[in-house]
Amino acid sequence: MPIISVFFGIVIRMFYDDHNPPHIHVEYQSSKALLDFRGNILKGDLQSRTALKLIREWIDLRYAELLEDWELAKHSKEIKIIDPLP
């Protein structure tokens, strides 16, 4: 599963040919979660509210790039790296 971004110890990944709705896989310390592109937790848990806030801010800033990567992944094309938070 390719890493698409890393910031403040938060690792963001996206699977190729994954199920809907569009989402990301997030790891922070020992926590793992799936978040949709609106920042809602679909599965798992992030024990850090600060990490969740940073991820949601990143999603807001990178929404168009996330959609582009999702489309690439659906068609098994190379996913692009997305810049971390500034």
Protein backbone atom coordinates (compact mmCIF):
# COMPACT_ATOMS: atom_id res chain seq x y z
CA MET A 1 0.00 0.00 0.00
CA PRO A 2 1.72 3.19 -1.16
CA ILE A 3 2.46 5.99 1.25
CA ILE A 4 1.08 9.21 -0.22
CA SER A 5 2.13 11.60 2.56
CA VAL A 6 3.90 11.77 5.91
CA PHE A 7 3.83 14.66 8.37
CA PHE A 8 4.26 15.04 12.14
CA GLY A 9 4.61 11.26 12.48
CA ILE A 10 1.31 10.68 10.65
CA VAL A 11 1.50 8.22 7.75
CA ILE A 12 -1.16 8.44 5.03
CA ARG A 13 -1.62 5.53 2.60
CA MET A 14 -3.96 4.60 -0.22
CA PHE A 15 -4.65 1.13 -1.64
CA TYR A 16 -4.87 0.33 -5.33
CA ASP A 17 -8.30 -0.83 -6.52
CA ASP A 18 -9.85 -0.23 -3.07
CA HIS A 19 -13.54 -0.22 -2.16
CA ASN A 20 -15.80 2.85 -2.06
CA PRO A 21 -16.29 5.35 -0.54
CA PRO A 22 -13.01 7.10 -1.35
CA HIS A 23 -10.82 7.01 1.76
CA ILE A 24 -7.31 7.04 3.17
CA HIS A 25 -5.57 4.73 5.61
CA VAL A 26 -3.95 6.64 8.47
CA GLU A 27 -1.40 5.49 11.03
CA TYR A 28 -0.24 7.53 13.99
CA GLN A 29 1.80 5.96 16.76
CA SER A 30 -0.10 2.74 17.54
CA SER A 31 -3.45 3.96 16.16
CA LYS A 32 -4.88 3.12 12.74
CA ALA A 33 -8.02 4.42 11.03
CA LEU A 34 -9.78 4.81 7.70
CA LEU A 35 -11.00 8.33 6.96
CA ASP A 36 -13.17 9.50 4.10
CA PHE A 37 -12.27 12.64 2.17
CA ARG A 38 -14.40 14.75 4.52
CA GLY A 39 -12.36 13.65 7.54
CA ASN A 40 -14.94 11.26 8.98
CA ILE A 41 -13.56 8.14 10.65
CA LEU A 42 -15.00 5.12 8.83
CA LYS A 43 -13.13 2.47 10.79
CA GLY A 44 -10.58 2.32 13.57
CA ASP A 45 -9.60 5.00 16.01
CA LEU A 46 -7.06 7.76 16.38
CA GLN A 47 -6.33 8.30 20.01
CA SER A 48 -4.84 11.74 19.39
CA ARG A 49 -7.31 14.55 18.81
CA THR A 50 -4.42 16.72 17.64
CA ALA A 51 -3.44 14.18 14.97
CA LEU A 52 -7.04 13.93 13.80
CA LYS A 53 -7.28 17.73 13.57
CA LEU A 54 -4.07 17.86 11.52
CA ILE A 55 -5.29 15.11 9.19
CA ARG A 56 -8.60 16.90 8.64
CA GLU A 57 -6.74 20.14 7.87
CA TRP A 58 -4.53 18.27 5.40
CA ILE A 59 -7.58 16.67 3.73
CA ASP A 60 -9.17 20.12 3.31
CA LEU A 61 -5.99 21.49 1.72
CA ARG A 62 -5.34 18.48 -0.50
CA TYR A 63 -8.89 17.41 -1.42
CA ALA A 64 -8.43 17.74 -5.20
CA GLU A 65 -5.16 15.79 -5.09
CA LEU A 66 -6.80 13.05 -3.02
CA LEU A 67 -9.56 12.70 -5.60
CA GLU A 68 -6.98 12.52 -8.37
CA ASP A 69 -5.02 9.82 -6.53
CA TRP A 70 -8.23 7.87 -5.86
CA GLU A 71 -9.02 7.83 -9.58
CA LEU A 72 -5.48 6.73 -10.40
CA ALA A 73 -5.66 3.96 -7.79
CA LYS A 74 -9.03 2.74 -9.11
CA HIS A 75 -7.39 2.18 -12.48
CA SER A 76 -4.20 0.67 -11.00
CA LYS A 77 -2.12 3.61 -12.17
CA GLU A 78 0.76 5.10 -10.21
CA ILE A 79 -0.42 7.16 -7.25
CA LYS A 80 1.24 10.53 -6.71
CA ILE A 81 2.89 11.72 -3.52
CA ILE A 82 0.89 14.53 -1.89
CA ASP A 83 2.65 17.35 -0.06
CA PRO A 84 2.41 17.36 3.74
CA LEU A 85 1.01 20.23 5.75
CA PRO A 86 2.93 23.45 5.12
